[in-house]
Protein backbone atom coordinates (compact mmCIF):
# COMPACT_ATOMS: atom_id res chain seq x y z
CA UNK A 1 173.75 4.82 34.48
CA UNK A 2 171.42 7.52 35.50
CA UNK A 3 168.82 6.95 38.14
CA UNK A 4 165.21 7.44 37.14
CA UNK A 5 163.08 9.46 39.47
CA UNK A 6 159.55 8.29 40.06
CA UNK A 7 156.99 10.38 38.25
CA UNK A 8 155.19 12.60 40.68
CA UNK A 9 152.06 14.44 39.89
CA UNK A 10 152.09 18.05 40.94
CA UNK A 11 148.46 18.63 40.04
CA UNK A 12 145.86 17.77 42.60
CA UNK A 13 143.23 15.32 41.53
CA UNK A 14 139.79 16.86 41.89
CA UNK A 15 137.18 14.99 43.80
CA UNK A 16 135.38 13.01 41.20
CA UNK A 17 131.64 13.35 41.49
CA UNK A 18 130.07 10.24 40.10
CA UNK A 19 126.60 10.68 38.79
CA UNK A 20 124.12 7.89 38.49
CA UNK A 21 122.89 6.96 35.07
CA UNK A 22 119.30 7.21 36.28
CA UNK A 23 117.79 9.83 38.53
CA UNK A 24 115.35 9.05 41.35
CA UNK A 25 112.47 10.09 39.09
CA UNK A 26 113.68 7.68 36.38
CA UNK A 27 113.79 4.83 38.88
CA UNK A 28 110.30 5.62 40.15
CA UNK A 29 108.99 5.61 36.57
CA UNK A 30 110.70 2.27 35.98
CA UNK A 31 109.05 0.81 39.07
CA UNK A 32 105.70 2.17 37.88
CA UNK A 33 106.23 0.56 34.48
CA UNK A 34 107.11 -2.79 36.07
CA UNK A 35 103.98 -2.55 38.22
CA UNK A 36 101.74 -1.85 35.22
CA UNK A 37 103.30 -4.76 33.30
CA UNK A 38 102.83 -7.08 36.28
CA UNK A 39 99.18 -5.99 36.60
CA UNK A 40 98.62 -6.72 32.91
CA UNK A 41 100.16 -10.17 33.24
CA UNK A 42 98.07 -10.96 36.32
CA UNK A 43 94.91 -9.89 34.49
CA UNK A 44 95.86 -12.05 31.53
CA UNK A 45 96.44 -15.13 33.67
CA UNK A 46 93.03 -15.01 35.33
CA UNK A 47 91.65 -17.67 37.62
CA UNK A 48 91.59 -21.42 37.50
CA UNK A 49 88.69 -23.34 36.03
CA UNK A 50 86.49 -25.42 38.32
CA UNK A 51 86.42 -28.32 35.87
CA UNK A 52 89.51 -28.58 33.64
CA UNK A 53 87.75 -30.88 31.16
CA UNK A 54 85.12 -28.22 30.31
CA UNK A 55 86.05 -25.35 27.98
CA UNK A 56 84.49 -22.07 29.10
CA UNK A 57 84.55 -19.76 26.08
CA UNK A 58 83.44 -16.64 27.96
CA UNK A 59 86.14 -17.06 30.60
CA UNK A 60 89.00 -17.63 28.18
CA UNK A 61 88.03 -14.94 25.66
CA UNK A 62 86.87 -12.30 28.12
CA UNK A 63 87.45 -8.61 27.44
CA UNK A 64 89.85 -8.42 30.35
CA UNK A 65 92.16 -11.13 29.03
CA UNK A 66 91.98 -10.26 25.34
CA UNK A 67 91.89 -6.45 25.39
CA UNK A 68 92.64 -4.79 28.72
CA UNK A 69 95.63 -6.92 29.81
CA UNK A 70 97.63 -6.52 26.56
CA UNK A 71 96.92 -2.78 26.54
CA UNK A 72 98.26 -2.52 30.11
CA UNK A 73 101.38 -4.45 29.16
CA UNK A 74 102.01 -2.14 26.18
CA UNK A 75 101.44 0.95 28.36
CA UNK A 76 103.92 -0.46 30.89
CA UNK A 77 106.51 -0.98 28.16
CA UNK A 78 106.01 2.58 26.92
CA UNK A 79 106.51 3.85 30.49
CA UNK A 80 109.72 1.81 30.72
CA UNK A 81 111.05 3.20 27.44
CA UNK A 82 110.22 6.76 28.53
CA UNK A 83 111.91 6.21 31.91
CA UNK A 84 115.08 4.94 30.24
CA UNK A 85 115.34 7.76 27.69
CA UNK A 86 114.34 10.61 30.04
CA UNK A 87 117.37 12.73 30.84
CA UNK A 88 117.97 13.36 34.53
CA UNK A 89 117.94 16.95 35.74
CA UNK A 90 121.40 18.50 36.19
C-alpha cells in the first residue's frame, strides 16, 4: 500500500481583517435612537396621581402623553432604522 502524505498548503494565508457590521457612527446613532425612545416612554408614563380614586382627565389626556411622547417614540424608531441601514464608510 502506498503511504499518503499529509496535505500541505504552500500558499500563505493572508491576515484576515474582520470588519464590524456596524461602524462607530452607526452605534452612536443607535444609542441616540434608544435615548429618544426612552425619553418618549418616560414622557408617556408621567407622574403618579395624588389620589388614585379620582380620575384627572387633564393629567391623563395631556398633550405631552397623547401627542409628544408617541412622536418621540416614532422618531426614535426612524433613527434606529436609519442607523441599521446606513452603510459604514470603507
